[in-house]
Amino acid sequence: MPPVLVAMCVCRRVPFASLLPLARAGGWGLDQLVAATGCGGACGLCRPYLRRMLVTGETEFRELLREDVAE
C-alpha cells in the first residue's frame, strides 16, 4: 500500500497549512473553524485531522485518522 498523505480538506480544497494560521489568529476551536471556513462541515472526513492540527500544529498527516463514534 502506498504511503498516505492527508494535507487538506478535500470538500473545500483548502490546505490545512492555510487553515492553521487563521485558527491561531482567531483563537478558534474546531467549531469556530468549521463555522468560519466550512472545512469539516460537509463530509466530515477532515474533522479528526483538523482537531489534531489545532492541538499539535501539524498540517500534514501520514496516517488515517477517524472520529470516535462517542464524540
PDB file of N, CA and C in Angstrom:
ATOM      1  N   MET A   1       0.857  -1.179   0.000  1.00  0.00           N
ATOM      2  CA  MET A   1       0.000   0.000   0.000  1.00  0.00           C
ATOM      3  C   MET A   1       0.900   1.238   0.000  1.00  0.00           C
ATOM      4  N   PRO A   2       0.605   2.222  -0.851  1.00  0.00           N
ATOM      5  CA  PRO A   2       1.417   3.448  -0.886  1.00  0.00           C
ATOM      6  C   PRO A   2       1.237   4.261   0.386  1.00  0.00           C
ATOM      7  N   PRO A   3       2.219   5.078   0.717  1.00  0.00           N
ATOM      8  CA  PRO A   3       2.088   5.926   1.906  1.00  0.00           C
ATOM      9  C   PRO A   3       0.921   6.898   1.775  1.00  0.00           C
ATOM     10  N   VAL A   4       0.386   7.266   2.897  1.00  0.00           N
ATOM     11  CA  VAL A   4      -0.754   8.183   2.955  1.00  0.00           C
ATOM     12  C   VAL A   4      -0.235   9.581   3.249  1.00  0.00           C
ATOM     13  N   LEU A   5      -0.808  10.573   2.591  1.00  0.00           N
ATOM     14  CA  LEU A   5      -0.537  11.973   2.930  1.00  0.00           C
ATOM     15  C   LEU A   5      -1.865  12.706   2.896  1.00  0.00           C
ATOM     16  N   VAL A   6      -2.291  13.170   4.046  1.00  0.00           N
ATOM     17  CA  VAL A   6      -3.523  13.955   4.153  1.00  0.00           C
ATOM     18  C   VAL A   6      -3.099  15.349   4.566  1.00  0.00           C
ATOM     19  N   ALA A   7      -3.389  16.340   3.698  1.00  0.00           N
ATOM     20  CA  ALA A   7      -2.907  17.696   3.946  1.00  0.00           C
ATOM     21  C   ALA A   7      -3.946  18.765   3.648  1.00  0.00           C
ATOM     22  N   MET A   8      -5.204  18.353   3.401  1.00  0.00           N
ATOM     23  CA  MET A   8      -6.217  19.365   3.086  1.00  0.00           C
ATOM     24  C   MET A   8      -7.620  18.837   3.306  1.00  0.00           C
ATOM     25  N   CYS A   9      -8.535  19.767   3.408  1.00  0.00           N
ATOM     26  CA  CYS A   9      -9.961  19.461   3.386  1.00  0.00           C
ATOM     27  C   CYS A   9     -10.316  19.196   1.929  1.00  0.00           C
ATOM     28  N   VAL A  10     -10.728  17.975   1.638  1.00  0.00           N
ATOM     29  CA  VAL A  10     -10.997  17.598   0.252  1.00  0.00           C
ATOM     30  C   VAL A  10     -12.244  18.300  -0.280  1.00  0.00           C
ATOM     31  N   CYS A  11     -13.277  18.416   0.533  1.00  0.00           N
ATOM     32  CA  CYS A  11     -14.524  19.043   0.075  1.00  0.00           C
ATOM     33  C   CYS A  11     -14.325  20.500  -0.335  1.00  0.00           C
ATOM     34  N   ARG A  12     -13.555  21.231   0.455  1.00  0.00           N
ATOM     35  CA  ARG A  12     -13.345  22.662   0.201  1.00  0.00           C
ATOM     36  C   ARG A  12     -12.040  22.947  -0.548  1.00  0.00           C
ATOM     37  N   ARG A  13     -11.191  21.908  -0.668  1.00  0.00           N
ATOM     38  CA  ARG A  13      -9.891  22.049  -1.347  1.00  0.00           C
ATOM     39  C   ARG A  13      -9.024  23.119  -0.676  1.00  0.00           C
ATOM     40  N   VAL A  14      -9.016  23.110   0.654  1.00  0.00           N
ATOM     41  CA  VAL A  14      -8.246  24.081   1.420  1.00  0.00           C
ATOM     42  C   VAL A  14      -7.163  23.331   2.199  1.00  0.00           C
ATOM     43  N   PRO A  15      -5.902  23.670   1.981  1.00  0.00           N
ATOM     44  CA  PRO A  15      -4.831  23.013   2.724  1.00  0.00           C
ATOM     45  C   PRO A  15      -4.894  23.350   4.211  1.00  0.00           C
ATOM     46  N   PHE A  16      -4.568  22.356   5.032  1.00  0.00           N
ATOM     47  CA  PHE A  16      -4.512  22.585   6.470  1.00  0.00           C
ATOM     48  C   PHE A  16      -3.506  23.680   6.802  1.00  0.00           C
ATOM     49  N   ALA A  17      -2.438  23.778   6.019  1.00  0.00           N
ATOM     50  CA  ALA A  17      -1.419  24.813   6.248  1.00  0.00           C
ATOM     51  C   ALA A  17      -2.005  26.215   6.085  1.00  0.00           C
ATOM     52  N   SER A  18      -3.079  26.367   5.346  1.00  0.00           N
ATOM     53  CA  SER A  18      -3.763  27.661   5.223  1.00  0.00           C
ATOM     54  C   SER A  18      -4.735  27.886   6.376  1.00  0.00           C
ATOM     55  N   LEU A  19      -5.265  26.802   6.909  1.00  0.00           N
ATOM     56  CA  LEU A  19      -6.256  26.911   7.983  1.00  0.00           C
ATOM     57  C   LEU A  19      -5.624  27.186   9.343  1.00  0.00           C
ATOM     58  N   LEU A  20      -4.457  26.625   9.595  1.00  0.00           N
ATOM     59  CA  LEU A  20      -3.839  26.769  10.905  1.00  0.00           C
ATOM     60  C   LEU A  20      -3.593  28.224  11.294  1.00  0.00           C
ATOM     61  N   PRO A  21      -3.005  29.051  10.414  1.00  0.00           N
ATOM     62  CA  PRO A  21      -2.800  30.451  10.813  1.00  0.00           C
ATOM     63  C   PRO A  21      -4.114  31.195  11.073  1.00  0.00           C
ATOM     64  N   LEU A  22      -5.148  30.887  10.308  1.00  0.00           N
ATOM     65  CA  LEU A  22      -6.451  31.513  10.540  1.00  0.00           C
ATOM     66  C   LEU A  22      -6.987  31.141  11.923  1.00  0.00           C
ATOM     67  N   ALA A  23      -6.892  29.850  12.248  1.00  0.00           N
ATOM     68  CA  ALA A  23      -7.389  29.374  13.535  1.00  0.00           C
ATOM     69  C   ALA A  23      -6.597  29.979  14.688  1.00  0.00           C
ATOM     70  N   ARG A  24      -5.301  30.053  14.523  1.00  0.00           N
ATOM     71  CA  ARG A  24      -4.465  30.607  15.594  1.00  0.00           C
ATOM     72  C   ARG A  24      -4.731  32.104  15.764  1.00  0.00           C
ATOM     73  N   ALA A  25      -4.837  32.827  14.665  1.00  0.00           N
ATOM     74  CA  ALA A  25      -5.079  34.276  14.738  1.00  0.00           C
ATOM     75  C   ALA A  25      -6.439  34.576  15.368  1.00  0.00           C
ATOM     76  N   GLY A  26      -7.428  33.719  15.049  1.00  0.00           N
ATOM     77  CA  GLY A  26      -8.770  33.939  15.582  1.00  0.00           C
ATOM     78  C   GLY A  26      -9.013  33.303  16.937  1.00  0.00           C
ATOM     79  N   GLY A  27      -8.047  32.503  17.414  1.00  0.00           N
ATOM     80  CA  GLY A  27      -8.246  31.792  18.667  1.00  0.00           C
ATOM     81  C   GLY A  27      -9.365  30.769  18.569  1.00  0.00           C
ATOM     82  N   TRP A  28      -9.531  30.201  17.368  1.00  0.00           N
ATOM     83  CA  TRP A  28     -10.644  29.297  17.112  1.00  0.00           C
ATOM     84  C   TRP A  28     -10.391  27.895  17.617  1.00  0.00           C
ATOM     85  N   GLY A  29     -11.458  27.267  18.084  1.00  0.00           N
ATOM     86  CA  GLY A  29     -11.515  25.832  18.306  1.00  0.00           C
ATOM     87  C   GLY A  29     -12.106  25.201  17.058  1.00  0.00           C
ATOM     88  N   LEU A  30     -12.373  23.917  17.124  1.00  0.00           N
ATOM     89  CA  LEU A  30     -12.882  23.210  15.948  1.00  0.00           C
ATOM     90  C   LEU A  30     -14.215  23.780  15.469  1.00  0.00           C
ATOM     91  N   ASP A  31     -15.137  24.023  16.369  1.00  0.00           N
ATOM     92  CA  ASP A  31     -16.455  24.520  15.964  1.00  0.00           C
ATOM     93  C   ASP A  31     -16.358  25.870  15.255  1.00  0.00           C
ATOM     94  N   GLN A  32     -15.504  26.745  15.759  1.00  0.00           N
ATOM     95  CA  GLN A  32     -15.342  28.060  15.136  1.00  0.00           C
ATOM     96  C   GLN A  32     -14.662  27.938  13.771  1.00  0.00           C
ATOM     97  N   LEU A  33     -13.697  27.035  13.662  1.00  0.00           N
ATOM     98  CA  LEU A  33     -13.016  26.812  12.379  1.00  0.00           C
ATOM     99  C   LEU A  33     -13.997  26.300  11.335  1.00  0.00           C
ATOM    100  N   VAL A  34     -14.825  25.347  11.713  1.00  0.00           N
ATOM    101  CA  VAL A  34     -15.827  24.805  10.796  1.00  0.00           C
ATOM    102  C   VAL A  34     -16.809  25.899  10.378  1.00  0.00           C
ATOM    103  N   ALA A  35     -17.280  26.682  11.344  1.00  0.00           N
ATOM    104  CA  ALA A  35     -18.253  27.739  11.043  1.00  0.00           C
ATOM    105  C   ALA A  35     -17.670  28.800  10.120  1.00  0.00           C
ATOM    106  N   ALA A  36     -16.413  29.163  10.333  1.00  0.00           N
ATOM    107  CA  ALA A  36     -15.800  30.241   9.558  1.00  0.00           C
ATOM    108  C   ALA A  36     -15.371  29.806   8.158  1.00  0.00           C
ATOM    109  N   THR A  37     -14.961  28.538   8.008  1.00  0.00           N
ATOM    110  CA  THR A  37     -14.372  28.111   6.726  1.00  0.00           C
ATOM    111  C   THR A  37     -15.197  27.078   5.982  1.00  0.00           C
ATOM    112  N   GLY A  38     -16.091  26.405   6.675  1.00  0.00           N
ATOM    113  CA  GLY A  38     -16.839  25.312   6.062  1.00  0.00           C
ATOM    114  C   GLY A  38     -16.065  24.006   6.062  1.00  0.00           C
ATOM    115  N   CYS A  39     -14.777  24.054   6.336  1.00  0.00           N
ATOM    116  CA  CYS A  39     -13.962  22.841   6.358  1.00  0.00           C
ATOM    117  C   CYS A  39     -14.380  21.986   7.545  1.00  0.00           C
ATOM    118  N   GLY A  40     -14.594  20.709   7.285  1.00  0.00           N
ATOM    119  CA  GLY A  40     -15.060  19.799   8.318  1.00  0.00           C
ATOM    120  C   GLY A  40     -16.568  19.777   8.454  1.00  0.00           C
ATOM    121  N   GLY A  41     -17.261  20.602   7.687  1.00  0.00           N
ATOM    122  CA  GLY A  41     -18.705  20.701   7.811  1.00  0.00           C
ATOM    123  C   GLY A  41     -19.494  19.949   6.764  1.00  0.00           C
ATOM    124  N   ALA A  42     -18.833  19.439   5.744  1.00  0.00           N
ATOM    125  CA  ALA A  42     -19.556  18.708   4.686  1.00  0.00           C
ATOM    126  C   ALA A  42     -19.471  17.205   4.965  1.00  0.00           C
ATOM    127  N   CYS A  43     -18.495  16.534   4.397  1.00  0.00           N
ATOM    128  CA  CYS A  43     -18.399  15.079   4.599  1.00  0.00           C
ATOM    129  C   CYS A  43     -17.849  14.741   5.980  1.00  0.00           C
ATOM    130  N   GLY A  44     -17.072  15.646   6.586  1.00  0.00           N
ATOM    131  CA  GLY A  44     -16.555  15.440   7.929  1.00  0.00           C
ATOM    132  C   GLY A  44     -15.294  14.602   8.033  1.00  0.00           C
ATOM    133  N   LEU A  45     -14.791  14.108   6.915  1.00  0.00           N
ATOM    134  CA  LEU A  45     -13.600  13.256   6.975  1.00  0.00           C
ATOM    135  C   LEU A  45     -12.372  13.991   7.496  1.00  0.00           C
ATOM    136  N   CYS A  46     -12.308  15.300   7.331  1.00  0.00           N
ATOM    137  CA  CYS A  46     -11.125  16.032   7.790  1.00  0.00           C
ATOM    138  C   CYS A  46     -11.227  16.462   9.250  1.00  0.00           C
ATOM    139  N   ARG A  47     -12.360  16.258   9.888  1.00  0.00           N
ATOM    140  CA  ARG A  47     -12.535  16.708  11.273  1.00  0.00           C
ATOM    141  C   ARG A  47     -11.482  16.157  12.228  1.00  0.00           C
ATOM    142  N   PRO A  48     -11.139  14.863  12.186  1.00  0.00           N
ATOM    143  CA  PRO A  48     -10.097  14.402  13.112  1.00  0.00           C
ATOM    144  C   PRO A  48      -8.737  15.029  12.820  1.00  0.00           C
ATOM    145  N   TYR A  49      -8.468  15.339  11.555  1.00  0.00           N
ATOM    146  CA  TYR A  49      -7.212  16.000  11.200  1.00  0.00           C
ATOM    147  C   TYR A  49      -7.214  17.447  11.672  1.00  0.00           C
ATOM    148  N   LEU A  50      -8.344  18.120  11.513  1.00  0.00           N
ATOM    149  CA  LEU A  50      -8.455  19.495  11.992  1.00  0.00           C
ATOM    150  C   LEU A  50      -8.304  19.539  13.511  1.00  0.00           C
ATOM    151  N   ARG A  51      -8.905  18.584  14.179  1.00  0.00           N
ATOM    152  CA  ARG A  51      -8.818  18.525  15.640  1.00  0.00           C
ATOM    153  C   ARG A  51      -7.357  18.366  16.069  1.00  0.00           C
ATOM    154  N   ARG A  52      -6.645  17.438  15.428  1.00  0.00           N
ATOM    155  CA  ARG A  52      -5.244  17.231  15.787  1.00  0.00           C
ATOM    156  C   ARG A  52      -4.404  18.442  15.398  1.00  0.00           C
ATOM    157  N   MET A  53      -4.694  19.052  14.247  1.00  0.00           N
ATOM    158  CA  MET A  53      -3.964  20.240  13.813  1.00  0.00           C
ATOM    159  C   MET A  53      -4.055  21.337  14.866  1.00  0.00           C
ATOM    160  N   LEU A  54      -5.239  21.551  15.407  1.00  0.00           N
ATOM    161  CA  LEU A  54      -5.435  22.605  16.399  1.00  0.00           C
ATOM    162  C   LEU A  54      -4.652  22.327  17.684  1.00  0.00           C
ATOM    163  N   VAL A  55      -4.479  21.066  18.017  1.00  0.00           N
ATOM    164  CA  VAL A  55      -3.763  20.703  19.237  1.00  0.00           C
ATOM    165  C   VAL A  55      -2.252  20.709  19.034  1.00  0.00           C
ATOM    166  N   THR A  56      -1.795  20.143  17.913  1.00  0.00           N
ATOM    167  CA  THR A  56      -0.359  19.900  17.724  1.00  0.00           C
ATOM    168  C   THR A  56       0.330  20.877  16.783  1.00  0.00           C
ATOM    169  N   GLY A  57      -0.441  21.539  15.914  1.00  0.00           N
ATOM    170  CA  GLY A  57       0.163  22.400  14.899  1.00  0.00           C
ATOM    171  C   GLY A  57       0.568  21.653  13.645  1.00  0.00           C
ATOM    172  N   GLU A  58       0.336  20.338  13.603  1.00  0.00           N
ATOM    173  CA  GLU A  58       0.650  19.563  12.397  1.00  0.00           C
ATOM    174  C   GLU A  58      -0.305  19.965  11.272  1.00  0.00           C
ATOM    175  N   THR A  59       0.210  19.988  10.041  1.00  0.00           N
ATOM    176  CA  THR A  59      -0.654  20.280   8.896  1.00  0.00           C
ATOM    177  C   THR A  59      -0.561  19.200   7.824  1.00  0.00           C
ATOM    178  N   GLU A  60       0.285  18.208   8.022  1.00  0.00           N
ATOM    179  CA  GLU A  60       0.373  17.053   7.128  1.00  0.00           C
ATOM    180  C   GLU A  60       0.359  15.796   7.982  1.00  0.00           C
ATOM    181  N   PHE A  61      -0.425  14.831   7.546  1.00  0.00           N
ATOM    182  CA  PHE A  61      -0.615  13.610   8.320  1.00  0.00           C
ATOM    183  C   PHE A  61      -0.322  12.409   7.440  1.00  0.00           C
ATOM    184  N   ARG A  62       0.402  11.474   7.964  1.00  0.00           N
ATOM    185  CA  ARG A  62       0.790  10.281   7.213  1.00  0.00           C
ATOM    186  C   ARG A  62       0.123   9.032   7.778  1.00  0.00           C
ATOM    187  N   GLU A  63      -1.035   9.240   8.367  1.00  0.00           N
ATOM    188  CA  GLU A  63      -1.833   8.133   8.869  1.00  0.00           C
ATOM    189  C   GLU A  63      -3.299   8.481   8.682  1.00  0.00           C
ATOM    190  N   LEU A  64      -4.117   7.466   8.623  1.00  0.00           N
ATOM    191  CA  LEU A  64      -5.544   7.700   8.502  1.00  0.00           C
ATOM    192  C   LEU A  64      -6.124   7.844   9.896  1.00  0.00           C
ATOM    193  N   LEU A  65      -6.835   8.929  10.109  1.00  0.00           N
ATOM    194  CA  LEU A  65      -7.488   9.194  11.389  1.00  0.00           C
ATOM    195  C   LEU A  65      -8.989   9.096  11.192  1.00  0.00           C
ATOM    196  N   ARG A  66      -9.685   8.798  12.266  1.00  0.00           N
ATOM    197  CA  ARG A  66     -11.154   8.791  12.195  1.00  0.00           C
ATOM    198  C   ARG A  66     -11.709   9.349  13.487  1.00  0.00           C
ATOM    199  N   GLU A  67     -12.911   9.820  13.405  1.00  0.00           N
ATOM    200  CA  GLU A  67     -13.589  10.356  14.580  1.00  0.00           C
ATOM    201  C   GLU A  67     -14.062   9.199  15.448  1.00  0.00           C
ATOM    202  N   ASP A  68     -14.001   9.373  16.748  1.00  0.00           N
ATOM    203  CA  ASP A  68     -14.608   8.400  17.639  1.00  0.00           C
ATOM    204  C   ASP A  68     -16.113   8.526  17.522  1.00  0.00           C
ATOM    205  N   VAL A  69     -16.781   7.411  17.539  1.00  0.00           N
ATOM    206  CA  VAL A  69     -18.243   7.406  17.435  1.00  0.00           C
ATOM    207  C   VAL A  69     -18.856   8.085  18.645  1.00  0.00           C
ATOM    208  N   ALA A  70     -18.203   8.009  19.797  1.00  0.00           N
ATOM    209  CA  ALA A  70     -18.739   8.576  21.026  1.00  0.00           C
ATOM    210  C   ALA A  70     -18.698  10.089  21.062  1.00  0.00           C
ATOM    211  N   GLU A  71     -17.954  10.725  20.186  1.00  0.00           N
ATOM    212  CA  GLU A  71     -17.827  12.195  20.238  1.00  0.00           C
ATOM    213  C   GLU A  71     -19.044  12.885  19.699  1.00  0.00           C
TER     214      GLU A  71
END
